[in-house]
């Protein structure tokens, strides 16, 4: 089948210069942002816990036979808790950090309250 036969009944695209822009909502920003992006759960120590469970299942769930795996999981858990605590401390002090994408919604809301849109 030819391409021209397929396009025979199709509409031609509308000219964007003939269509006037009509805003439905006011053209300004809100004074707050949602916190949905901050609630993404960070799965930490997934690899360590998988190795620990495989070792435990091989040894009939006796912890005494998997001391290295238990230590590595506990170390990873302590590190992730320390990182989470440090991140909360930075947010409480109002530090934006070096990466602008890592700014939390509470920090953005605080700045937007100080400088509202007119």
PDB file of N, CA and C in Angstrom:
ATOM      1  N   UNK A   1       0.850  -1.173   0.000  1.00  0.00           N
ATOM      2  CA  UNK A   1       0.000   0.000   0.000  1.00  0.00           C
ATOM      3  C   UNK A   1       0.894   1.234   0.000  1.00  0.00           C
ATOM      4  N   UNK A   2       0.500   2.209  -0.794  1.00  0.00           N
ATOM      5  CA  UNK A   2       1.298   3.414  -0.910  1.00  0.00           C
ATOM      6  C   UNK A   2       1.040   4.357   0.257  1.00  0.00           C
ATOM      7  N   UNK A   3       2.029   5.194   0.562  1.00  0.00           N
ATOM      8  CA  UNK A   3       1.902   6.161   1.650  1.00  0.00           C
ATOM      9  C   UNK A   3       0.850   7.201   1.323  1.00  0.00           C
ATOM     10  N   UNK A   4       0.737   7.581   0.083  1.00  0.00           N
ATOM     11  CA  UNK A   4      -0.262   8.598  -0.287  1.00  0.00           C
ATOM     12  C   UNK A   4      -1.672   8.086  -0.058  1.00  0.00           C
ATOM     13  N   UNK A   5      -1.872   6.792  -0.189  1.00  0.00           N
ATOM     14  CA  UNK A   5      -3.194   6.232   0.057  1.00  0.00           C
ATOM     15  C   UNK A   5      -3.535   6.286   1.539  1.00  0.00           C
ATOM     16  N   UNK A   6      -2.527   6.145   2.412  1.00  0.00           N
ATOM     17  CA  UNK A   6      -2.763   6.226   3.849  1.00  0.00           C
ATOM     18  C   UNK A   6      -3.087   7.644   4.285  1.00  0.00           C
ATOM     19  N   UNK A   7      -2.440   8.627   3.662  1.00  0.00           N
ATOM     20  CA  UNK A   7      -2.613  10.020   4.067  1.00  0.00           C
ATOM     21  C   UNK A   7      -3.782  10.712   3.369  1.00  0.00           C
ATOM     22  N   UNK A   8      -4.473  10.040   2.517  1.00  0.00           N
ATOM     23  CA  UNK A   8      -5.528  10.648   1.731  1.00  0.00           C
ATOM     24  C   UNK A   8      -6.661  11.196   2.609  1.00  0.00           C
ATOM     25  N   UNK A   9      -7.049  10.492   3.635  1.00  0.00           N
ATOM     26  CA  UNK A   9      -8.169  10.936   4.473  1.00  0.00           C
ATOM     27  C   UNK A   9      -7.740  11.700   5.701  1.00  0.00           C
ATOM     28  N   UNK A  10      -6.459  11.957   5.863  1.00  0.00           N
ATOM     29  CA  UNK A  10      -5.947  12.616   7.067  1.00  0.00           C
ATOM     30  C   UNK A  10      -6.135  14.125   6.974  1.00  0.00           C
ATOM     31  N   UNK A  11      -6.270  14.763   8.147  1.00  0.00           N
ATOM     32  CA  UNK A  11      -6.394  16.224   8.197  1.00  0.00           C
ATOM     33  C   UNK A  11      -5.026  16.862   8.045  1.00  0.00           C
ATOM     34  N   UNK A  12      -5.023  18.038   7.512  1.00  0.00           N
ATOM     35  CA  UNK A  12      -3.774  18.797   7.463  1.00  0.00           C
ATOM     36  C   UNK A  12      -3.570  19.467   8.808  1.00  0.00           C
ATOM     37  N   UNK A  13      -2.335  19.665   9.234  1.00  0.00           N
ATOM     38  CA  UNK A  13      -2.106  20.282  10.536  1.00  0.00           C
ATOM     39  C   UNK A  13      -2.601  21.727  10.558  1.00  0.00           C
ATOM     40  N   UNK A  14      -3.049  22.139  11.745  1.00  0.00           N
ATOM     41  CA  UNK A  14      -3.564  23.498  11.910  1.00  0.00           C
ATOM     42  C   UNK A  14      -2.411  24.498  11.958  1.00  0.00           C
ATOM     43  N   UNK A  15      -2.622  25.650  11.402  1.00  0.00           N
ATOM     44  CA  UNK A  15      -1.603  26.689  11.391  1.00  0.00           C
ATOM     45  C   UNK A  15      -1.520  27.318  12.780  1.00  0.00           C
ATOM     46  N   UNK A  16      -0.362  27.254  13.469  1.00  0.00           N
ATOM     47  CA  UNK A  16      -0.288  27.794  14.827  1.00  0.00           C
ATOM     48  C   UNK A  16      -0.389  29.319  14.858  1.00  0.00           C
ATOM     49  N   UNK A  17      -0.155  29.999  13.755  1.00  0.00           N
ATOM     50  CA  UNK A  17      -0.255  31.457  13.740  1.00  0.00           C
ATOM     51  C   UNK A  17      -1.708  31.929  13.729  1.00  0.00           C
ATOM     52  N   UNK A  18      -2.629  31.079  13.287  1.00  0.00           N
ATOM     53  CA  UNK A  18      -4.037  31.456  13.245  1.00  0.00           C
ATOM     54  C   UNK A  18      -4.765  31.161  14.558  1.00  0.00           C
ATOM     55  N   UNK A  19      -4.141  30.402  15.456  1.00  0.00           N
ATOM     56  CA  UNK A  19      -4.777  30.029  16.718  1.00  0.00           C
ATOM     57  C   UNK A  19      -4.306  30.980  17.808  1.00  0.00           C
ATOM     58  N   UNK A  20      -5.204  31.788  18.403  1.00  0.00           N
ATOM     59  CA  UNK A  20      -4.778  32.703  19.466  1.00  0.00           C
ATOM     60  C   UNK A  20      -4.569  31.943  20.782  1.00  0.00           C
ATOM     61  N   UNK A  21      -3.597  32.405  21.555  1.00  0.00           N
ATOM     62  CA  UNK A  21      -3.316  31.792  22.859  1.00  0.00           C
ATOM     63  C   UNK A  21      -4.276  32.365  23.897  1.00  0.00           C
ATOM     64  N   UNK A  22      -5.006  31.499  24.577  1.00  0.00           N
ATOM     65  CA  UNK A  22      -5.934  31.920  25.617  1.00  0.00           C
ATOM     66  C   UNK A  22      -5.554  31.211  26.910  1.00  0.00           C
ATOM     67  N   UNK A  23      -4.969  31.925  27.862  1.00  0.00           N
ATOM     68  CA  UNK A  23      -4.591  31.269  29.117  1.00  0.00           C
ATOM     69  C   UNK A  23      -5.828  30.897  29.923  1.00  0.00           C
ATOM     70  N   UNK A  24      -5.846  29.692  30.421  1.00  0.00           N
ATOM     71  CA  UNK A  24      -6.977  29.214  31.217  1.00  0.00           C
ATOM     72  C   UNK A  24      -6.775  29.612  32.674  1.00  0.00           C
ATOM     73  N   UNK A  25      -5.562  29.460  33.174  1.00  0.00           N
ATOM     74  CA  UNK A  25      -5.222  29.828  34.541  1.00  0.00           C
ATOM     75  C   UNK A  25      -4.316  31.048  34.518  1.00  0.00           C
ATOM     76  N   UNK A  26      -4.199  31.776  35.649  1.00  0.00           N
ATOM     77  CA  UNK A  26      -3.290  32.918  35.668  1.00  0.00           C
ATOM     78  C   UNK A  26      -1.842  32.484  35.427  1.00  0.00           C
ATOM     79  N   UNK A  27      -1.087  33.349  34.771  1.00  0.00           N
ATOM     80  CA  UNK A  27       0.277  33.026  34.381  1.00  0.00           C
ATOM     81  C   UNK A  27       1.273  33.433  35.463  1.00  0.00           C
ATOM     82  N   UNK A  28       1.203  32.831  36.626  1.00  0.00           N
ATOM     83  CA  UNK A  28       2.177  33.069  37.681  1.00  0.00           C
ATOM     84  C   UNK A  28       2.427  31.768  38.443  1.00  0.00           C
ATOM     85  N   UNK A  29       3.516  31.744  39.178  1.00  0.00           N
ATOM     86  CA  UNK A  29       3.890  30.550  39.923  1.00  0.00           C
ATOM     87  C   UNK A  29       3.181  30.507  41.263  1.00  0.00           C
ATOM     88  N   UNK A  30       3.037  29.319  41.805  1.00  0.00           N
ATOM     89  CA  UNK A  30       2.474  29.178  43.140  1.00  0.00           C
ATOM     90  C   UNK A  30       3.526  29.546  44.183  1.00  0.00           C
ATOM     91  N   UNK A  31       3.091  29.761  45.408  1.00  0.00           N
ATOM     92  CA  UNK A  31       4.000  30.147  46.479  1.00  0.00           C
ATOM     93  C   UNK A  31       4.511  28.952  47.271  1.00  0.00           C
ATOM     94  N   UNK A  32       4.327  27.752  46.739  1.00  0.00           N
ATOM     95  CA  UNK A  32       4.827  26.558  47.415  1.00  0.00           C
ATOM     96  C   UNK A  32       5.022  25.455  46.394  1.00  0.00           C
ATOM     97  N   UNK A  33       5.791  24.442  46.776  1.00  0.00           N
ATOM     98  CA  UNK A  33       5.979  23.254  45.952  1.00  0.00           C
ATOM     99  C   UNK A  33       5.564  22.040  46.766  1.00  0.00           C
ATOM    100  N   UNK A  34       5.205  20.976  46.078  1.00  0.00           N
ATOM    101  CA  UNK A  34       4.799  19.768  46.792  1.00  0.00           C
ATOM    102  C   UNK A  34       6.035  19.001  47.243  1.00  0.00           C
ATOM    103  N   UNK A  35       5.877  18.174  48.221  1.00  0.00           N
ATOM    104  CA  UNK A  35       6.996  17.396  48.752  1.00  0.00           C
ATOM    105  C   UNK A  35       7.006  15.973  48.254  1.00  0.00           C
ATOM    106  N   UNK A  36       6.357  15.704  47.129  1.00  0.00           N
ATOM    107  CA  UNK A  36       6.272  14.332  46.631  1.00  0.00           C
ATOM    108  C   UNK A  36       7.621  13.773  46.224  1.00  0.00           C
ATOM    109  N   UNK A  37       8.468  14.599  45.641  1.00  0.00           N
ATOM    110  CA  UNK A  37       9.763  14.111  45.175  1.00  0.00           C
ATOM    111  C   UNK A  37      10.670  13.736  46.340  1.00  0.00           C
ATOM    112  N   UNK A  38      10.486  14.357  47.501  1.00  0.00           N
ATOM    113  CA  UNK A  38      11.328  14.048  48.652  1.00  0.00           C
ATOM    114  C   UNK A  38      10.961  12.709  49.290  1.00  0.00           C
ATOM    115  N   UNK A  39       9.771  12.207  48.999  1.00  0.00           N
ATOM    116  CA  UNK A  39       9.301  10.996  49.657  1.00  0.00           C
ATOM    117  C   UNK A  39       9.713   9.721  48.945  1.00  0.00           C
ATOM    118  N   UNK A  40      10.524   9.851  47.900  1.00  0.00           N
ATOM    119  CA  UNK A  40      11.012   8.660  47.216  1.00  0.00           C
ATOM    120  C   UNK A  40      11.937   7.909  48.175  1.00  0.00           C
ATOM    121  N   UNK A  41      11.604   6.652  48.427  1.00  0.00           N
ATOM    122  CA  UNK A  41      12.379   5.901  49.402  1.00  0.00           C
ATOM    123  C   UNK A  41      13.721   5.490  48.809  1.00  0.00           C
ATOM    124  N   UNK A  42      14.759   5.757  49.542  1.00  0.00           N
ATOM    125  CA  UNK A  42      16.094   5.375  49.125  1.00  0.00           C
ATOM    126  C   UNK A  42      16.394   4.012  49.723  1.00  0.00           C
ATOM    127  N   UNK A  43      16.525   3.020  48.879  1.00  0.00           N
ATOM    128  CA  UNK A  43      16.806   1.668  49.336  1.00  0.00           C
ATOM    129  C   UNK A  43      18.306   1.563  49.534  1.00  0.00           C
ATOM    130  N   UNK A  44      18.712   1.530  50.775  1.00  0.00           N
ATOM    131  CA  UNK A  44      20.134   1.426  51.070  1.00  0.00           C
ATOM    132  C   UNK A  44      20.448   0.021  51.562  1.00  0.00           C
ATOM    133  N   UNK A  45      21.664  -0.395  51.321  1.00  0.00           N
ATOM    134  CA  UNK A  45      22.200  -1.689  51.774  1.00  0.00           C
ATOM    135  C   UNK A  45      21.449  -2.886  51.188  1.00  0.00           C
ATOM    136  N   UNK A  46      20.926  -2.722  50.000  1.00  0.00           N
ATOM    137  CA  UNK A  46      20.182  -3.817  49.382  1.00  0.00           C
ATOM    138  C   UNK A  46      21.098  -4.990  49.057  1.00  0.00           C
ATOM    139  N   UNK A  47      22.261  -4.687  48.547  1.00  0.00           N
ATOM    140  CA  UNK A  47      23.207  -5.754  48.204  1.00  0.00           C
ATOM    141  C   UNK A  47      23.652  -6.502  49.457  1.00  0.00           C
ATOM    142  N   UNK A  48      23.958  -5.775  50.523  1.00  0.00           N
ATOM    143  CA  UNK A  48      24.438  -6.415  51.754  1.00  0.00           C
ATOM    144  C   UNK A  48      23.378  -7.315  52.375  1.00  0.00           C
ATOM    145  N   UNK A  49      22.129  -6.846  52.353  1.00  0.00           N
ATOM    146  CA  UNK A  49      21.079  -7.665  52.974  1.00  0.00           C
ATOM    147  C   UNK A  49      20.786  -8.898  52.110  1.00  0.00           C
ATOM    148  N   UNK A  50      20.942  -8.789  50.787  1.00  0.00           N
ATOM    149  CA  UNK A  50      20.746  -9.956  49.926  1.00  0.00           C
ATOM    150  C   UNK A  50      21.824 -11.004  50.183  1.00  0.00           C
ATOM    151  N   UNK A  51      23.066 -10.548  50.330  1.00  0.00           N
ATOM    152  CA  UNK A  51      24.157 -11.481  50.628  1.00  0.00           C
ATOM    153  C   UNK A  51      23.947 -12.131  52.002  1.00  0.00           C
ATOM    154  N   UNK A  52      23.501 -11.333  52.961  1.00  0.00           N
ATOM    155  CA  UNK A  52      23.248 -11.868  54.305  1.00  0.00           C
ATOM    156  C   UNK A  52      22.150 -12.923  54.282  1.00  0.00           C
ATOM    157  N   UNK A  53      21.059 -12.647  53.563  1.00  0.00           N
ATOM    158  CA  UNK A  53      19.964 -13.622  53.510  1.00  0.00           C
ATOM    159  C   UNK A  53      20.374 -14.896  52.772  1.00  0.00           C
ATOM    160  N   UNK A  54      21.178 -14.762  51.737  1.00  0.00           N
ATOM    161  CA  UNK A  54      21.617 -15.976  51.038  1.00  0.00           C
ATOM    162  C   UNK A  54      22.523 -16.818  51.937  1.00  0.00           C
ATOM    163  N   UNK A  55      23.390 -16.162  52.705  1.00  0.00           N
ATOM    164  CA  UNK A  55      24.261 -16.899  53.625  1.00  0.00           C
ATOM    165  C   UNK A  55      23.436 -17.571  54.729  1.00  0.00           C
ATOM    166  N   UNK A  56      22.458 -16.836  55.236  1.00  0.00           N
ATOM    167  CA  UNK A  56      21.626 -17.417  56.295  1.00  0.00           C
ATOM    168  C   UNK A  56      20.790 -18.588  55.788  1.00  0.00           C
ATOM    169  N   UNK A  57      20.275 -18.482  54.561  1.00  0.00           N
ATOM    170  CA  UNK A  57      19.470 -19.591  54.034  1.00  0.00           C
ATOM    171  C   UNK A  57      20.331 -20.823  53.760  1.00  0.00           C
ATOM    172  N   UNK A  58      21.587 -20.614  53.378  1.00  0.00           N
ATOM    173  CA  UNK A  58      22.487 -21.758  53.156  1.00  0.00           C
ATOM    174  C   UNK A  58      22.857 -22.432  54.471  1.00  0.00           C
ATOM    175  N   UNK A  59      22.925 -21.655  55.558  1.00  0.00           N
ATOM    176  CA  UNK A  59      23.366 -22.194  56.853  1.00  0.00           C
ATOM    177  C   UNK A  59      22.224 -22.367  57.846  1.00  0.00           C
ATOM    178  N   UNK A  60      21.022 -22.559  57.340  1.00  0.00           N
ATOM    179  CA  UNK A  60      19.841 -22.829  58.162  1.00  0.00           C
ATOM    180  C   UNK A  60      19.597 -21.733  59.200  1.00  0.00           C
ATOM    181  N   UNK A  61      19.812 -20.487  58.806  1.00  0.00           N
ATOM    182  CA  UNK A  61      19.534 -19.291  59.601  1.00  0.00           C
ATOM    183  C   UNK A  61      20.266 -19.266  60.950  1.00  0.00           C
ATOM    184  N   UNK A  62      21.522 -19.685  60.921  1.00  0.00           N
ATOM    185  CA  UNK A  62      22.382 -19.581  62.100  1.00  0.00           C
ATOM    186  C   UNK A  62      23.316 -18.400  61.885  1.00  0.00           C
ATOM    187  N   UNK A  63      23.160 -17.372  62.722  1.00  0.00           N
ATOM    188  CA  UNK A  63      23.951 -16.150  62.553  1.00  0.00           C
ATOM    189  C   UNK A  63      25.431 -16.374  62.848  1.00  0.00           C
ATOM    190  N   UNK A  64      25.749 -17.330  63.664  1.00  0.00           N
ATOM    191  CA  UNK A  64      27.145 -17.552  64.034  1.00  0.00           C
ATOM    192  C   UNK A  64      27.994 -18.035  62.854  1.00  0.00           C
ATOM    193  N   UNK A  65      27.359 -18.546  61.803  1.00  0.00           N
ATOM    194  CA  UNK A  65      28.094 -19.034  60.645  1.00  0.00           C
ATOM    195  C   UNK A  65      28.292 -17.954  59.571  1.00  0.00           C
ATOM    196  N   UNK A  66      27.707 -16.769  59.762  1.00  0.00           N
ATOM    197  CA  UNK A  66      27.831 -15.678  58.778  1.00  0.00           C
ATOM    198  C   UNK A  66      28.258 -14.377  59.459  1.00  0.00           C
ATOM    199  N   UNK A  67      29.394 -14.360  60.161  1.00  0.00           N
ATOM    200  CA  UNK A  67      29.754 -13.133  60.880  1.00  0.00           C
ATOM    201  C   UNK A  67      30.197 -11.993  59.955  1.00  0.00           C
ATOM    202  N   UNK A  68      30.872 -12.315  58.839  1.00  0.00           N
ATOM    203  CA  UNK A  68      31.326 -11.250  57.935  1.00  0.00           C
ATOM    204  C   UNK A  68      30.159 -10.540  57.275  1.00  0.00           C
ATOM    205  N   UNK A  69      29.151 -11.290  56.862  1.00  0.00           N
ATOM    206  CA  UNK A  69      27.983 -10.698  56.214  1.00  0.00           C
ATOM    207  C   UNK A  69      27.194  -9.831  57.186  1.00  0.00           C
ATOM    208  N   UNK A  70      27.083 -10.283  58.434  1.00  0.00           N
ATOM    209  CA  UNK A  70      26.362  -9.504  59.444  1.00  0.00           C
ATOM    210  C   UNK A  70      27.097  -8.195  59.719  1.00  0.00           C
ATOM    211  N   UNK A  71      28.425  -8.264  59.819  1.00  0.00           N
ATOM    212  CA  UNK A  71      29.207  -7.048  60.074  1.00  0.00           C
ATOM    213  C   UNK A  71      29.096  -6.062  58.913  1.00  0.00           C
ATOM    214  N   UNK A  72      29.157  -6.566  57.682  1.00  0.00           N
ATOM    215  CA  UNK A  72      29.068  -5.660  56.528  1.00  0.00           C
ATOM    216  C   UNK A  72      27.690  -5.005  56.453  1.00  0.00           C
ATOM    217  N   UNK A  73      26.632  -5.751  56.782  1.00  0.00           N
ATOM    218  CA  UNK A  73      25.289  -5.164  56.780  1.00  0.00           C
ATOM    219  C   UNK A  73      25.144  -4.123  57.884  1.00  0.00           C
ATOM    220  N   UNK A  74      25.655  -4.415  59.067  1.00  0.00           N
ATOM    221  CA  UNK A  74      25.566  -3.451  60.166  1.00  0.00           C
ATOM    222  C   UNK A  74      26.362  -2.187  59.861  1.00  0.00           C
ATOM    223  N   UNK A  75      27.532  -2.332  59.253  1.00  0.00           N
ATOM    224  CA  UNK A  75      28.337  -1.178  58.879  1.00  0.00           C
ATOM    225  C   UNK A  75      27.620  -0.322  57.835  1.00  0.00           C
ATOM    226  N   UNK A  76      27.044  -0.962  56.842  1.00  0.00           N
ATOM    227  CA  UNK A  76      26.308  -0.235  55.806  1.00  0.00           C
ATOM    228  C   UNK A  76      25.096   0.471  56.404  1.00  0.00           C
ATOM    229  N   UNK A  77      24.413  -0.183  57.316  1.00  0.00           N
ATOM    230  CA  UNK A  77      23.249   0.423  57.959  1.00  0.00           C
ATOM    231  C   UNK A  77      23.641   1.661  58.762  1.00  0.00           C
ATOM    232  N   UNK A  78      24.753   1.570  59.503  1.00  0.00           N
ATOM    233  CA  UNK A  78      25.218   2.723  60.277  1.00  0.00           C
ATOM    234  C   UNK A  78      25.609   3.887  59.365  1.00  0.00           C
ATOM    235  N   UNK A  79      26.258   3.553  58.239  1.00  0.00           N
ATOM    236  CA  UNK A  79      26.662   4.600  57.293  1.00  0.00           C
ATOM    237  C   UNK A  79      25.455   5.299  56.676  1.00  0.00           C
ATOM    238  N   UNK A  80      24.437   4.534  56.306  1.00  0.00           N
ATOM    239  CA  UNK A  80      23.257   5.146  55.687  1.00  0.00           C
ATOM    240  C   UNK A  80      22.492   5.993  56.701  1.00  0.00           C
ATOM    241  N   UNK A  81      22.432   5.560  57.964  1.00  0.00           N
ATOM    242  CA  UNK A  81      21.781   6.371  58.999  1.00  0.00           C
ATOM    243  C   UNK A  81      22.558   7.661  59.245  1.00  0.00           C
ATOM    244  N   UNK A  82      23.885   7.588  59.205  1.00  0.00           N
ATOM    245  CA  UNK A  82      24.699   8.793  59.386  1.00  0.00           C
ATOM    246  C   UNK A  82      24.498   9.771  58.227  1.00  0.00           C
ATOM    247  N   UNK A  83      24.422   9.256  57.004  1.00  0.00           N
ATOM    248  CA  UNK A  83      24.181  10.120  55.841  1.00  0.00           C
ATOM    249  C   UNK A  83      22.812  10.786  55.934  1.00  0.00           C
ATOM    250  N   UNK A  84      21.793  10.022  56.333  1.00  0.00           N
ATOM    251  CA  UNK A  84      20.447  10.569  56.465  1.00  0.00           C
ATOM    252  C   UNK A  84      20.398  11.642  57.554  1.00  0.00           C
ATOM    253  N   UNK A  85      21.096  11.409  58.663  1.00  0.00           N
ATOM    254  CA  UNK A  85      21.137  12.387  59.754  1.00  0.00           C
ATOM    255  C   UNK A  85      21.855  13.655  59.303  1.00  0.00           C
ATOM    256  N   UNK A  86      22.950  13.505  58.567  1.00  0.00           N
ATOM    257  CA  UNK A  86      23.692  14.661  58.065  1.00  0.00           C
ATOM    258  C   UNK A  86      22.847  15.463  57.083  1.00  0.00           C
ATOM    259  N   UNK A  87      22.099  14.785  56.245  1.00  0.00           N
ATOM    260  CA  UNK A  87      21.229  15.474  55.283  1.00  0.00           C
ATOM    261  C   UNK A  87      20.151  16.267  56.015  1.00  0.00           C
ATOM    262  N   UNK A  88      19.580  15.698  57.066  1.00  0.00           N
ATOM    263  CA  UNK A  88      18.573  16.421  57.853  1.00  0.00           C
ATOM    264  C   UNK A  88      19.181  17.632  58.547  1.00  0.00           C
ATOM    265  N   UNK A  89      20.396  17.492  59.034  1.00  0.00           N
ATOM    266  CA  UNK A  89      21.061  18.616  59.688  1.00  0.00           C
ATOM    267  C   UNK A  89      21.327  19.740  58.684  1.00  0.00           C
ATOM    268  N   UNK A  90      21.748  19.397  57.476  1.00  0.00           N
ATOM    269  CA  UNK A  90      21.990  20.394  56.440  1.00  0.00           C
ATOM    270  C   UNK A  90      20.699  21.115  56.056  1.00  0.00           C
ATOM    271  N   UNK A  91      19.604  20.367  55.964  1.00  0.00           N
ATOM    272  CA  UNK A  91      18.323  20.982  55.622  1.00  0.00           C
ATOM    273  C   UNK A  91      17.833  21.892  56.740  1.00  0.00           C
ATOM    274  N   UNK A  92      18.076  21.506  57.987  1.00  0.00           N
ATOM    275  CA  UNK A  92      17.639  22.327  59.110  1.00  0.00           C
ATOM    276  C   UNK A  92      18.410  23.641  59.170  1.00  0.00           C
ATOM    277  N   UNK A  93      19.676  23.617  58.755  1.00  0.00           N
ATOM    278  CA  UNK A  93      20.480  24.828  58.750  1.00  0.00           C
ATOM    279  C   UNK A  93      20.197  25.685  57.526  1.00  0.00           C
ATOM    280  N   UNK A  94      19.428  25.165  56.587  1.00  0.00           N
ATOM    281  CA  UNK A  94      19.086  25.936  55.399  1.00  0.00           C
ATOM    282  C   UNK A  94      20.102  25.862  54.307  1.00  0.00           C
ATOM    283  N   UNK A  95      21.035  24.966  54.414  1.00  0.00           N
ATOM    284  CA  UNK A  95      22.058  24.816  53.389  1.00  0.00           C
ATOM    285  C   UNK A  95      21.483  24.138  52.159  1.00  0.00           C
ATOM    286  N   UNK A  96      21.688  24.746  51.017  1.00  0.00           N
ATOM    287  CA  UNK A  96      21.159  24.179  49.780  1.00  0.00           C
ATOM    288  C   UNK A  96      22.042  23.078  49.242  1.00  0.00           C
ATOM    289  N   UNK A  97      23.285  23.038  49.646  1.00  0.00           N
ATOM    290  CA  UNK A  97      24.200  22.028  49.138  1.00  0.00           C
ATOM    291  C   UNK A  97      24.834  22.490  47.849  1.00  0.00           C
ATOM    292  N   UNK A  98      25.636  21.640  47.259  1.00  0.00           N
ATOM    293  CA  UNK A  98      26.323  22.022  46.040  1.00  0.00           C
ATOM    294  C   UNK A  98      25.491  21.730  44.794  1.00  0.00           C
ATOM    295  N   UNK A  99      24.621  20.748  44.849  1.00  0.00           N
ATOM    296  CA  UNK A  99      23.809  20.374  43.701  1.00  0.00           C
ATOM    297  C   UNK A  99      22.422  21.001  43.832  1.00  0.00           C
ATOM    298  N   UNK A 100      21.995  21.839  42.889  1.00  0.00           N
ATOM    299  CA  UNK A 100      20.679  22.468  43.013  1.00  0.00           C
ATOM    300  C   UNK A 100      19.526  21.480  42.943  1.00  0.00           C
ATOM    301  N   UNK A 101      19.755  20.307  42.366  1.00  0.00           N
ATOM    302  CA  UNK A 101      18.691  19.306  42.299  1.00  0.00           C
ATOM    303  C   UNK A 101      18.467  18.627  43.650  1.00  0.00           C
ATOM    304  N   UNK A 102      19.396  18.780  44.581  1.00  0.00           N
ATOM    305  CA  UNK A 102      19.264  18.118  45.871  1.00  0.00           C
ATOM    306  C   UNK A 102      18.590  18.996  46.919  1.00  0.00           C
ATOM    307  N   UNK A 103      18.063  20.147  46.520  1.00  0.00           N
ATOM    308  CA  UNK A 103      17.398  21.035  47.466  1.00  0.00           C
ATOM    309  C   UNK A 103      16.056  20.422  47.829  1.00  0.00           C
ATOM    310  N   UNK A 104      15.737  20.372  49.118  1.00  0.00           N
ATOM    311  CA  UNK A 104      14.491  19.765  49.546  1.00  0.00           C
ATOM    312  C   UNK A 104      13.322  20.730  49.340  1.00  0.00           C
ATOM    313  N   UNK A 105      12.125  20.176  49.376  1.00  0.00           N
ATOM    314  CA  UNK A 105      10.937  20.992  49.167  1.00  0.00           C
ATOM    315  C   UNK A 105      10.722  21.971  50.323  1.00  0.00           C
ATOM    316  N   UNK A 106      11.139  21.612  51.527  1.00  0.00           N
ATOM    317  CA  UNK A 106      10.973  22.540  52.649  1.00  0.00           C
ATOM    318  C   UNK A 106      11.855  23.765  52.483  1.00  0.00           C
ATOM    319  N   UNK A 107      13.067  23.579  51.961  1.00  0.00           N
ATOM    320  CA  UNK A 107      13.959  24.715  51.709  1.00  0.00           C
ATOM    321  C   UNK A 107      13.392  25.609  50.612  1.00  0.00           C
ATOM    322  N   UNK A 108      12.864  25.012  49.556  1.00  0.00           N
ATOM    323  CA  UNK A 108      12.267  25.791  48.474  1.00  0.00           C
ATOM    324  C   UNK A 108      11.054  26.556  48.976  1.00  0.00           C
ATOM    325  N   UNK A 109      10.222  25.920  49.792  1.00  0.00           N
ATOM    326  CA  UNK A 109       9.044  26.596  50.341  1.00  0.00           C
ATOM    327  C   UNK A 109       9.445  27.753  51.248  1.00  0.00           C
ATOM    328  N   UNK A 110      10.524  27.573  52.004  1.00  0.00           N
ATOM    329  CA  UNK A 110      11.000  28.642  52.876  1.00  0.00           C
ATOM    330  C   UNK A 110      11.445  29.856  52.051  1.00  0.00           C
ATOM    331  N   UNK A 111      12.149  29.616  50.957  1.00  0.00           N
ATOM    332  CA  UNK A 111      12.601  30.702  50.089  1.00  0.00           C
ATOM    333  C   UNK A 111      11.411  31.368  49.398  1.00  0.00           C
ATOM    334  N   UNK A 112      10.445  30.567  48.947  1.00  0.00           N
ATOM    335  CA  UNK A 112       9.275  31.136  48.285  1.00  0.00           C
ATOM    336  C   UNK A 112       8.414  31.953  49.243  1.00  0.00           C
ATOM    337  N   UNK A 113       8.398  31.591  50.525  1.00  0.00           N
ATOM    338  CA  UNK A 113       7.668  32.411  51.504  1.00  0.00           C
ATOM    339  C   UNK A 113       8.347  33.756  51.706  1.00  0.00           C
ATOM    340  N   UNK A 114       9.679  33.754  51.651  1.00  0.00           N
ATOM    341  CA  UNK A 114      10.415  35.022  51.819  1.00  0.00           C
ATOM    342  C   UNK A 114      10.254  35.931  50.599  1.00  0.00           C
ATOM    343  N   UNK A 115      10.161  35.342  49.409  1.00  0.00           N
ATOM    344  CA  UNK A 115      10.040  36.103  48.174  1.00  0.00           C
ATOM    345  C   UNK A 115       8.821  35.648  47.385  1.00  0.00           C
ATOM    346  N   UNK A 116       7.606  36.029  47.798  1.00  0.00           N
ATOM    347  CA  UNK A 116       6.389  35.550  47.112  1.00  0.00           C
ATOM    348  C   UNK A 116       6.258  36.179  45.722  1.00  0.00           C
ATOM    349  N   UNK A 117       5.517  35.498  44.850  1.00  0.00           N
ATOM    350  CA  UNK A 117       5.265  36.057  43.524  1.00  0.00           C
ATOM    351  C   UNK A 117       4.175  37.111  43.621  1.00  0.00           C
ATOM    352  N   UNK A 118       4.294  38.126  42.790  1.00  0.00           N
ATOM    353  CA  UNK A 118       3.356  39.257  42.853  1.00  0.00           C
ATOM    354  C   UNK A 118       2.141  38.953  41.990  1.00  0.00           C
TER     355      UNK A 118
END
